[in-house]
Structures are given as structure tokens and as C-alpha cells.
Amino acid sequence: MFNSERFIRERVKCCACGGTLKNSKHINGICLDKLAEWDYPVWNNILVADEHPEKRAMAFVCDECLKKKRQPKFAVEWDDHENVKYHPIEDLKDLPEITEEEVNRVLRNSMQRY
């Protein structure tokens, strides 16, 4: 079975400083409002997937970069739990932000049905 935490710690570099994630206490995943043209890793919000069906890119940063609020420079991609690629964030297509208001609207509408 694939152990994503071990894989990230061993194979993925911090997308802000390029350092190792082996010694980070946490795995800090950053959800980007950028189009991911790959399958892993990606994120989306299932509540608004009809309005925003796109796969969104992710970055991982070490504890130190998170603490210092360093912005990631790269989004990360991997395939078959083997090859890791880094994509400059500035080269990725912008996607609209999924706002809290949109999510709350969907939640309110779904609760009204019951």
C-alpha cells in the first residue's frame, strides 16, 4: 500500500526553498488556484465541483518556510509513485478562487432540501 507521507518526506523537496521535508514535523500541503494538467497530487472542493471541475495544483513546504510565510515557487507532480516533477507556479494557468461564500451557498441549499 502506498504510504504518501513517507513518499513525500523521502522524494519531494520543499517547493519554496528546495530543501528536504524529511525533518519537518508536518507535511504542509498548499492548495493553489492554478490548473494542474497532471493527476497527482491535485485538489478540489467536492461541494462546488460542478462550478469548478478543474484539477488544482499543490505545493509542499517545510515547517521553516511555512513559519516564515515563504511562498512556494513550484507546484509538484508525481506519477506511479516514482517520478517527481516541479512546475514553476508562474507558468501555470490561473483559476478562479473557490470562495467561502460559494461553499456556504451550496451548503445552505443542500440543507434546505432536508
Protein backbone atom coordinates (compact mmCIF):
# COMPACT_ATOMS: atom_id res chain seq x y z
CA MET A 1 0.00 0.00 0.00
CA PHE A 2 1.25 3.46 -0.93
CA ASN A 3 2.45 5.49 2.05
CA SER A 4 2.02 9.09 0.86
CA GLU A 5 3.65 10.64 3.94
CA ARG A 6 6.80 8.56 3.57
CA PHE A 7 6.89 9.21 -0.19
CA ILE A 8 6.60 12.98 0.30
CA ARG A 9 9.24 13.05 3.05
CA GLU A 10 11.69 10.95 1.01
CA ARG A 11 11.09 12.17 -2.56
CA VAL A 12 9.53 15.66 -2.56
CA LYS A 13 11.53 18.84 -1.94
CA CYS A 14 10.16 21.97 -0.32
CA CYS A 15 8.53 23.96 -3.11
CA ALA A 16 9.68 27.24 -1.54
CA CYS A 17 13.34 26.69 -0.54
CA GLY A 18 14.17 23.40 -2.29
CA GLY A 19 15.21 21.78 0.97
CA THR A 20 14.26 18.40 2.35
CA LEU A 21 10.94 17.62 4.01
CA LYS A 22 12.44 14.71 5.99
CA ASN A 23 12.86 16.73 9.17
CA SER A 24 9.59 18.68 9.04
CA LYS A 25 7.24 17.80 11.85
CA HIS A 26 4.29 18.27 9.47
CA ILE A 27 3.58 17.70 5.81
CA ASN A 28 2.41 21.17 4.76
CA GLY A 29 0.32 20.95 1.60
CA ILE A 30 -0.54 24.25 -0.07
CA CYS A 31 -3.62 24.31 -2.29
CA LEU A 32 -3.01 26.53 -5.30
CA ASP A 33 -5.56 28.22 -7.54
CA LYS A 34 -3.61 27.01 -10.58
CA LEU A 35 -4.58 24.42 -13.19
CA ALA A 36 -2.90 21.03 -12.78
CA GLU A 37 -2.54 19.20 -16.08
CA TRP A 38 -1.49 16.05 -14.23
CA ASP A 39 -3.22 13.56 -11.94
CA TYR A 40 -1.25 13.54 -8.68
CA PRO A 41 -1.31 15.37 -6.39
CA VAL A 42 -4.28 17.63 -7.01
CA TRP A 43 -7.10 19.14 -5.00
CA ASN A 44 -10.62 20.44 -5.46
CA ASN A 45 -13.65 21.11 -3.30
CA ILE A 46 -16.32 18.46 -3.88
CA LEU A 47 -19.07 20.83 -2.76
CA VAL A 48 -18.50 23.15 -5.73
CA ALA A 49 -17.11 20.64 -8.23
CA ASP A 50 -19.96 21.39 -10.67
CA GLU A 51 -18.89 25.05 -10.89
CA HIS A 52 -15.15 24.34 -10.56
CA PRO A 53 -14.39 20.89 -12.04
CA GLU A 54 -10.70 21.60 -12.71
CA LYS A 55 -7.89 19.72 -11.03
CA ARG A 56 -5.89 22.22 -8.99
CA ALA A 57 -2.16 22.11 -8.34
CA MET A 58 -0.48 21.61 -4.97
CA ALA A 59 2.81 22.56 -3.40
CA PHE A 60 4.51 21.23 -0.27
CA VAL A 61 6.63 23.37 2.01
CA CYS A 62 8.83 22.63 5.00
CA ASP A 63 7.93 23.79 8.50
CA GLU A 64 10.51 26.58 8.38
CA CYS A 65 9.16 28.05 5.14
CA LEU A 66 5.62 27.83 6.46
CA LYS A 67 6.68 29.58 9.66
CA LYS A 68 8.44 32.34 7.69
CA LYS A 69 5.47 32.58 5.27
CA ARG A 70 7.67 31.92 2.23
CA GLN A 71 5.57 31.49 -0.88
CA PRO A 72 6.09 28.32 -2.93
CA LYS A 73 7.78 28.78 -6.29
CA PHE A 74 6.81 25.38 -7.68
CA ALA A 75 3.84 23.05 -7.86
CA VAL A 76 4.65 19.36 -7.59
CA GLU A 77 3.58 16.40 -9.71
CA TRP A 78 4.30 12.71 -9.37
CA ASP A 79 3.33 9.65 -11.35
CA ASP A 80 3.19 6.00 -10.37
CA HIS A 81 4.73 6.91 -7.02
CA GLU A 82 8.06 7.16 -8.80
CA ASN A 83 8.87 10.29 -10.81
CA VAL A 84 8.60 13.73 -9.20
CA LYS A 85 8.38 16.87 -11.35
CA TYR A 86 8.28 20.52 -10.37
CA HIS A 87 6.34 23.15 -12.31
CA PRO A 88 7.06 26.87 -11.87
CA ILE A 89 3.85 28.32 -10.44
CA GLU A 90 4.15 31.39 -12.64
CA ASP A 91 3.88 29.14 -15.73
CA LEU A 92 0.58 27.56 -14.66
CA LYS A 93 -2.82 28.84 -15.73
CA ASP A 94 -4.69 30.84 -13.09
CA LEU A 95 -8.03 29.51 -11.87
CA PRO A 96 -10.68 31.48 -10.00
CA GLU A 97 -10.57 31.22 -6.25
CA ILE A 98 -13.15 28.95 -4.63
CA THR A 99 -14.64 31.36 -2.16
CA GLU A 100 -16.09 30.64 1.25
CA GLU A 101 -19.31 32.29 0.07
CA GLU A 102 -19.67 29.77 -2.77
CA VAL A 103 -19.16 26.83 -0.44
CA ASN A 104 -21.60 28.25 2.13
CA ARG A 105 -24.22 28.82 -0.58
CA VAL A 106 -24.03 25.18 -1.65
CA LEU A 107 -24.23 24.03 1.97
CA ARG A 108 -27.28 26.23 2.64
CA ASN A 109 -29.02 24.99 -0.50
CA SER A 110 -28.34 21.35 0.33
CA MET A 111 -29.62 21.78 3.89
CA GLN A 112 -32.86 23.34 2.63
CA ARG A 113 -33.66 20.12 0.77
CA TYR A 114 -33.92 18.15 4.01
